[in-house]
C-alpha atoms as a PDB file:
ATOM      1  CA  MET A   1     -31.856 -31.037 -58.159  1.00  0.00           C
ATOM      2  CA  LYS A   2     -32.048 -34.798 -58.696  1.00  0.00           C
ATOM      3  CA  THR A   3     -29.842 -36.468 -61.251  1.00  0.00           C
ATOM      4  CA  ASN A   4     -31.161 -39.419 -63.162  1.00  0.00           C
ATOM      5  CA  GLY A   5     -28.736 -41.603 -61.152  1.00  0.00           C
ATOM      6  CA  THR A   6     -30.379 -40.359 -58.015  1.00  0.00           C
ATOM      7  CA  THR A   7     -33.671 -41.190 -59.226  1.00  0.00           C
ATOM      8  CA  GLU A   8     -32.514 -44.692 -60.446  1.00  0.00           C
ATOM      9  CA  ALA A   9     -31.125 -45.487 -56.976  1.00  0.00           C
ATOM     10  CA  GLU A  10     -34.265 -44.277 -55.423  1.00  0.00           C
ATOM     11  CA  ASP A  11     -36.316 -46.682 -57.277  1.00  0.00           C
ATOM     12  CA  TRP A  12     -33.771 -49.484 -57.319  1.00  0.00           C
ATOM     13  CA  PHE A  13     -35.171 -52.580 -55.341  1.00  0.00           C
ATOM     14  CA  ILE A  14     -34.864 -56.499 -55.476  1.00  0.00           C
ATOM     15  CA  GLY A  15     -37.189 -57.641 -52.739  1.00  0.00           C
ATOM     16  CA  LEU A  16     -36.939 -60.941 -50.793  1.00  0.00           C
ATOM     17  CA  ASP A  17     -39.807 -62.317 -52.696  1.00  0.00           C
ATOM     18  CA  CYS A  18     -38.637 -61.260 -56.132  1.00  0.00           C
ATOM     19  CA  LYS A  19     -40.036 -63.891 -58.716  1.00  0.00           C
ATOM     20  CA  LYS A  20     -36.614 -64.155 -60.422  1.00  0.00           C
ATOM     21  CA  SER A  21     -33.913 -66.458 -58.936  1.00  0.00           C
ATOM     22  CA  TRP A  22     -31.090 -63.727 -58.965  1.00  0.00           C
ATOM     23  CA  LYS A  23     -27.391 -64.514 -58.539  1.00  0.00           C
ATOM     24  CA  LEU A  24     -25.400 -62.076 -56.602  1.00  0.00           C
ATOM     25  CA  GLY A  25     -23.259 -60.850 -59.473  1.00  0.00           C
ATOM     26  CA  LYS A  26     -26.096 -60.297 -61.704  1.00  0.00           C
ATOM     27  CA  ALA A  27     -28.023 -58.323 -59.051  1.00  0.00           C
ATOM     28  CA  LEU A  28     -24.930 -56.211 -58.355  1.00  0.00           C
ATOM     29  CA  LYS A  29     -24.726 -55.243 -61.884  1.00  0.00           C
ATOM     30  CA  THR A  30     -28.181 -53.713 -61.871  1.00  0.00           C
ATOM     31  CA  MET A  31     -26.760 -51.143 -59.653  1.00  0.00           C
ATOM     32  CA  SER A  32     -23.784 -50.208 -62.041  1.00  0.00           C
ATOM     33  CA  SER A  33     -25.041 -46.990 -63.438  1.00  0.00           C
ATOM     34  CA  PHE A  34     -25.608 -45.589 -60.105  1.00  0.00           C
ATOM     35  CA  LYS A  35     -23.528 -47.365 -57.175  1.00  0.00           C
ATOM     36  CA  LEU A  36     -21.226 -44.942 -55.291  1.00  0.00           C
ATOM     37  CA  ASN A  37     -17.599 -44.965 -55.443  1.00  0.00           C
ATOM     38  CA  ALA A  38     -15.425 -44.717 -52.511  1.00  0.00           C
ATOM     39  CA  ASP A  39     -14.725 -40.925 -53.277  1.00  0.00           C
ATOM     40  CA  ASP A  40     -18.329 -40.102 -53.302  1.00  0.00           C
ATOM     41  CA  VAL A  41     -18.699 -41.238 -49.721  1.00  0.00           C
ATOM     42  CA  PRO A  42     -18.310 -38.530 -47.222  1.00  0.00           C
ATOM     43  CA  LEU A  43     -15.314 -38.487 -44.740  1.00  0.00           C
ATOM     44  CA  ILE A  44     -17.445 -38.769 -41.657  1.00  0.00           C
ATOM     45  CA  ILE A  45     -19.313 -41.562 -43.108  1.00  0.00           C
ATOM     46  CA  LYS A  46     -16.111 -43.204 -43.958  1.00  0.00           C
ATOM     47  CA  LEU A  47     -14.843 -42.978 -40.579  1.00  0.00           C
ATOM     48  CA  VAL A  48     -17.778 -44.571 -38.914  1.00  0.00           C
ATOM     49  CA  GLU A  49     -18.524 -47.273 -41.588  1.00  0.00           C
ATOM     50  CA  ASN A  50     -15.597 -48.124 -43.601  1.00  0.00           C
ATOM     51  CA  PRO A  51     -12.979 -50.934 -42.450  1.00  0.00           C
ATOM     52  CA  LYS A  52     -10.041 -49.041 -43.985  1.00  0.00           C
ATOM     53  CA  TYR A  53     -10.698 -46.403 -41.520  1.00  0.00           C
ATOM     54  CA  ASP A  54     -11.641 -48.402 -38.618  1.00  0.00           C
ATOM     55  CA  ILE A  55     -11.423 -46.364 -35.339  1.00  0.00           C
ATOM     56  CA  GLY A  56     -12.596 -49.127 -33.211  1.00  0.00           C
ATOM     57  CA  LEU A  57     -15.968 -47.628 -32.024  1.00  0.00           C
ATOM     58  CA  PHE A  58     -18.357 -49.292 -34.176  1.00  0.00           C
ATOM     59  CA  ALA A  59     -18.616 -53.007 -34.949  1.00  0.00           C
ATOM     60  CA  GLY A  60     -19.760 -54.326 -38.432  1.00  0.00           C
ATOM     61  CA  ASN A  61     -17.653 -52.027 -40.792  1.00  0.00           C
ATOM     62  CA  VAL A  62     -17.709 -53.497 -44.456  1.00  0.00           C
ATOM     63  CA  SER A  63     -16.454 -52.321 -47.879  1.00  0.00           C
ATOM     64  CA  LEU A  64     -18.940 -50.821 -50.294  1.00  0.00           C
ATOM     65  CA  HIS A  65     -19.210 -53.967 -52.281  1.00  0.00           C
ATOM     66  CA  ASN A  66     -19.958 -55.859 -49.287  1.00  0.00           C
ATOM     67  CA  HIS A  67     -22.594 -53.326 -48.051  1.00  0.00           C
ATOM     68  CA  ASP A  68     -24.178 -53.575 -51.557  1.00  0.00           C
ATOM     69  CA  CYS A  69     -24.383 -57.389 -51.112  1.00  0.00           C
ATOM     70  CA  ILE A  70     -25.836 -57.043 -47.540  1.00  0.00           C
ATOM     71  CA  HIS A  71     -28.748 -55.030 -49.282  1.00  0.00           C
ATOM     72  CA  LEU A  72     -29.344 -57.474 -51.721  1.00  0.00           C
ATOM     73  CA  LEU A  73     -29.328 -60.364 -49.196  1.00  0.00           C
ATOM     74  CA  LEU A  74     -31.815 -58.310 -46.853  1.00  0.00           C
ATOM     75  CA  GLY A  75     -34.047 -57.417 -49.794  1.00  0.00           C
ATOM     76  CA  ARG A  76     -33.755 -53.693 -49.180  1.00  0.00           C
ATOM     77  CA  GLY A  77     -33.297 -50.926 -51.507  1.00  0.00           C
ATOM     78  CA  LEU A  78     -31.163 -47.672 -51.101  1.00  0.00           C
ATOM     79  CA  GLY A  79     -33.213 -45.231 -49.343  1.00  0.00           C
ATOM     80  CA  VAL A  80     -32.325 -43.831 -45.979  1.00  0.00           C
ATOM     81  CA  LYS A  81     -34.475 -46.459 -44.015  1.00  0.00           C
ATOM     82  CA  ASP A  82     -32.993 -48.994 -46.206  1.00  0.00           C
ATOM     83  CA  GLU A  83     -29.533 -47.851 -45.299  1.00  0.00           C
ATOM     84  CA  ALA A  84     -30.672 -47.883 -41.447  1.00  0.00           C
ATOM     85  CA  PHE A  85     -31.677 -51.322 -41.508  1.00  0.00           C
ATOM     86  CA  ALA A  86     -28.950 -52.776 -43.540  1.00  0.00           C
ATOM     87  CA  ILE A  87     -26.137 -50.952 -41.430  1.00  0.00           C
ATOM     88  CA  GLY A  88     -28.196 -51.939 -38.281  1.00  0.00           C
ATOM     89  CA  TYR A  89     -28.436 -55.689 -39.360  1.00  0.00           C
ATOM     90  CA  THR A  90     -24.655 -55.821 -40.175  1.00  0.00           C
ATOM     91  CA  MET A  91     -23.676 -54.200 -37.125  1.00  0.00           C
ATOM     92  CA  GLY A  92     -25.966 -56.474 -35.273  1.00  0.00           C
ATOM     93  CA  SER A  93     -24.663 -59.577 -36.759  1.00  0.00           C
ATOM     94  CA  THR A  94     -21.270 -59.087 -35.014  1.00  0.00           C
ATOM     95  CA  LYS A  95     -22.968 -59.476 -31.513  1.00  0.00           C
ATOM     96  CA  LYS A  96     -20.957 -56.359 -30.435  1.00  0.00           C
ATOM     97  CA  MET A  97     -23.512 -53.618 -30.729  1.00  0.00           C
ATOM     98  CA  TRP A  98     -23.974 -52.702 -27.165  1.00  0.00           C
ATOM     99  CA  ARG A  99     -26.060 -49.859 -26.019  1.00  0.00           C
ATOM    100  CA  TRP A 100     -23.477 -47.275 -25.956  1.00  0.00           C
ATOM    101  CA  ARG A 101     -22.349 -48.189 -29.558  1.00  0.00           C
ATOM    102  CA  ARG A 102     -25.925 -47.866 -30.702  1.00  0.00           C
ATOM    103  CA  ASN A 103     -26.571 -44.646 -29.233  1.00  0.00           C
ATOM    104  CA  LEU A 104     -23.111 -43.275 -30.393  1.00  0.00           C
ATOM    105  CA  TYR A 105     -23.799 -44.420 -33.866  1.00  0.00           C
ATOM    106  CA  MET A 106     -27.241 -42.819 -33.806  1.00  0.00           C
ATOM    107  CA  PHE A 107     -25.754 -39.703 -32.543  1.00  0.00           C
ATOM    108  CA  CYS A 108     -23.286 -39.568 -35.569  1.00  0.00           C
ATOM    109  CA  ALA A 109     -26.168 -40.451 -38.182  1.00  0.00           C
ATOM    110  CA  LYS A 110     -28.641 -37.818 -36.747  1.00  0.00           C
ATOM    111  CA  TYR A 111     -26.200 -34.863 -36.153  1.00  0.00           C
ATOM    112  CA  LEU A 112     -22.829 -35.334 -37.795  1.00  0.00           C
ATOM    113  CA  PHE A 113     -23.686 -36.998 -41.067  1.00  0.00           C
ATOM    114  CA  PRO A 114     -24.466 -34.973 -44.198  1.00  0.00           C
ATOM    115  CA  LYS A 115     -27.898 -33.993 -44.465  1.00  0.00           C
ATOM    116  CA  GLU A 116     -29.007 -36.472 -47.410  1.00  0.00           C
ATOM    117  CA  TYR A 117     -27.499 -39.360 -45.288  1.00  0.00           C
ATOM    118  CA  ARG A 118     -28.789 -38.341 -41.722  1.00  0.00           C
ATOM    119  CA  PHE A 119     -31.281 -40.619 -39.600  1.00  0.00           C
ATOM    120  CA  GLY A 120     -34.378 -38.931 -38.581  1.00  0.00           C
ATOM    121  CA  GLU A 121     -36.436 -40.710 -35.624  1.00  0.00           C
ATOM    122  CA  GLU A 122     -38.063 -43.082 -38.197  1.00  0.00           C
ATOM    123  CA  GLU A 123     -34.791 -44.289 -39.318  1.00  0.00           C
ATOM    124  CA  ARG A 124     -33.158 -44.428 -35.943  1.00  0.00           C
ATOM    125  CA  TRP A 125     -36.114 -46.852 -35.159  1.00  0.00           C
ATOM    126  CA  VAL A 126     -35.421 -49.000 -38.359  1.00  0.00           C
ATOM    127  CA  PHE A 127     -31.874 -48.795 -37.361  1.00  0.00           C
ATOM    128  CA  ASN A 128     -32.627 -50.452 -33.979  1.00  0.00           C
ATOM    129  CA  MET A 129     -34.676 -53.019 -35.481  1.00  0.00           C
ATOM    130  CA  GLY A 130     -31.995 -53.977 -37.939  1.00  0.00           C
ATOM    131  CA  VAL A 131     -29.644 -54.210 -35.119  1.00  0.00           C
ATOM    132  CA  MET A 132     -31.842 -56.873 -33.399  1.00  0.00           C
ATOM    133  CA  ALA A 133     -32.679 -58.987 -36.129  1.00  0.00           C
ATOM    134  CA  GLY A 134     -29.141 -58.943 -37.121  1.00  0.00           C
ATOM    135  CA  SER A 135     -28.001 -60.142 -33.649  1.00  0.00           C
ATOM    136  CA  ARG A 136     -30.145 -63.342 -34.455  1.00  0.00           C
ATOM    137  CA  CYS A 137     -27.937 -63.833 -37.421  1.00  0.00           C
ATOM    138  CA  PRO A 138     -25.311 -66.772 -36.659  1.00  0.00           C
ATOM    139  CA  THR A 139     -22.862 -65.356 -39.411  1.00  0.00           C
ATOM    140  CA  ASP A 140     -21.045 -62.004 -38.566  1.00  0.00           C
ATOM    141  CA  LEU A 141     -21.763 -60.379 -41.953  1.00  0.00           C
ATOM    142  CA  SER A 142     -18.717 -58.076 -41.563  1.00  0.00           C
ATOM    143  CA  ARG A 143     -16.286 -60.917 -41.793  1.00  0.00           C
ATOM    144  CA  VAL A 144     -17.696 -62.355 -45.042  1.00  0.00           C
ATOM    145  CA  ASP A 145     -15.737 -61.687 -48.226  1.00  0.00           C
ATOM    146  CA  PHE A 146     -18.401 -61.561 -50.953  1.00  0.00           C
ATOM    147  CA  SER A 147     -16.148 -61.391 -53.739  1.00  0.00           C
ATOM    148  CA  ASP A 148     -16.354 -65.190 -54.409  1.00  0.00           C
ATOM    149  CA  TYR A 149     -20.181 -65.492 -54.229  1.00  0.00           C
ATOM    150  CA  ASP A 150     -21.120 -63.885 -57.518  1.00  0.00           C
ATOM    151  CA  PHE A 151     -22.550 -67.067 -58.985  1.00  0.00           C
ATOM    152  CA  TYR A 152     -24.819 -68.294 -56.210  1.00  0.00           C
ATOM    153  CA  THR A 153     -28.350 -67.110 -55.753  1.00  0.00           C
ATOM    154  CA  LEU A 154     -29.645 -64.789 -53.200  1.00  0.00           C
ATOM    155  CA  ASN A 155     -31.607 -67.305 -51.677  1.00  0.00           C
ATOM    156  CA  PHE A 156     -28.926 -69.931 -51.361  1.00  0.00           C
ATOM    157  CA  LEU A 157     -26.705 -67.267 -49.682  1.00  0.00           C
ATOM    158  CA  ARG A 158     -29.265 -66.160 -47.400  1.00  0.00           C
ATOM    159  CA  LYS A 159     -29.504 -69.918 -46.239  1.00  0.00           C
ATOM    160  CA  ASP A 160     -26.164 -70.699 -46.145  1.00  0.00           C
ATOM    161  CA  LEU A 161     -25.315 -67.520 -44.004  1.00  0.00           C
ATOM    162  CA  GLY A 162     -28.285 -67.966 -41.618  1.00  0.00           C
ATOM    163  CA  ILE A 163     -30.273 -64.875 -42.850  1.00  0.00           C
ATOM    164  CA  ASP A 164     -33.781 -65.760 -41.630  1.00  0.00           C
ATOM    165  CA  LYS A 165     -36.408 -64.601 -44.444  1.00  0.00           C
ATOM    166  CA  LYS A 166     -39.224 -65.202 -41.856  1.00  0.00           C
ATOM    167  CA  LEU A 167     -37.595 -62.930 -39.334  1.00  0.00           C
ATOM    168  CA  LEU A 168     -36.945 -60.404 -42.157  1.00  0.00           C
ATOM    169  CA  LYS A 169     -40.586 -60.490 -43.233  1.00  0.00           C
ATOM    170  CA  LYS A 170     -42.041 -59.919 -39.783  1.00  0.00           C
ATOM    171  CA  CYS A 171     -39.708 -56.919 -39.274  1.00  0.00           C
ATOM    172  CA  TYR A 172     -40.839 -55.491 -42.800  1.00  0.00           C
ATOM    173  CA  GLU A 173     -44.483 -56.217 -41.713  1.00  0.00           C
ATOM    174  CA  THR A 174     -44.019 -54.262 -38.703  1.00  0.00           C
ATOM    175  CA  GLU A 175     -42.140 -51.387 -40.557  1.00  0.00           C
ATOM    176  CA  LYS A 176     -44.638 -51.263 -43.276  1.00  0.00           C
ATOM    177  CA  GLN A 177     -47.381 -50.546 -40.441  1.00  0.00           C
ATOM    178  CA  PHE A 178     -45.231 -48.120 -38.650  1.00  0.00           C
ATOM    179  CA  PHE A 179     -44.483 -45.925 -41.546  1.00  0.00           C
ATOM    180  CA  PRO A 180     -47.496 -45.806 -44.180  1.00  0.00           C
ATOM    181  CA  LYS A 181     -46.121 -42.957 -45.951  1.00  0.00           C
ATOM    182  CA  SER A 182     -42.718 -44.255 -46.574  1.00  0.00           C
ATOM    183  CA  LYS A 183     -41.797 -45.511 -49.970  1.00  0.00           C
ATOM    184  CA  GLU A 184     -39.037 -47.609 -48.706  1.00  0.00           C
ATOM    185  CA  SER A 185     -41.271 -49.256 -46.072  1.00  0.00           C
ATOM    186  CA  GLN A 186     -44.129 -49.815 -48.299  1.00  0.00           C
ATOM    187  CA  ARG A 187     -42.365 -51.673 -51.040  1.00  0.00           C
ATOM    188  CA  LEU A 188     -40.691 -54.081 -48.874  1.00  0.00           C
ATOM    189  CA  LEU A 189     -43.437 -57.006 -49.148  1.00  0.00           C
END
């Protein structure tokens, strides 16, 4: 059964070309009624993605706060494909996502994650595109402390961090064409 918070999270989205000039702090507040707390995250995902549980296998571990900031900067919602792209982009930005790491992460995401977090073939494709796009970002997003950026606009931060909106739009156009029945993919542009 879906709770109201689940529905809100599925519908939440601030796109790349949003008409409003969002500041990071204000945009984060739009997530406050449904965002995850650390206790809500399954242990297997913490082991794979949380810097406090860094076991050295994967690059790009970030806190939940930073992860939410990255979703905003990439213009992604909170669906599974959105997660796949945001995680892939963050990992790609480290320049340390060799093939074995990508394959191991995708194995975990397909077989070890709880059902509602699992990546199917479409999400694996989006994850790989995120890794490739992130590898073009000059900034390792896993090293950025977003806690001091609340009063900066999303567009300013994208430029400052080297997040290429044109490249993201090309990725999103491609994703939109490949997955015409996906709500996450269709609302990107």
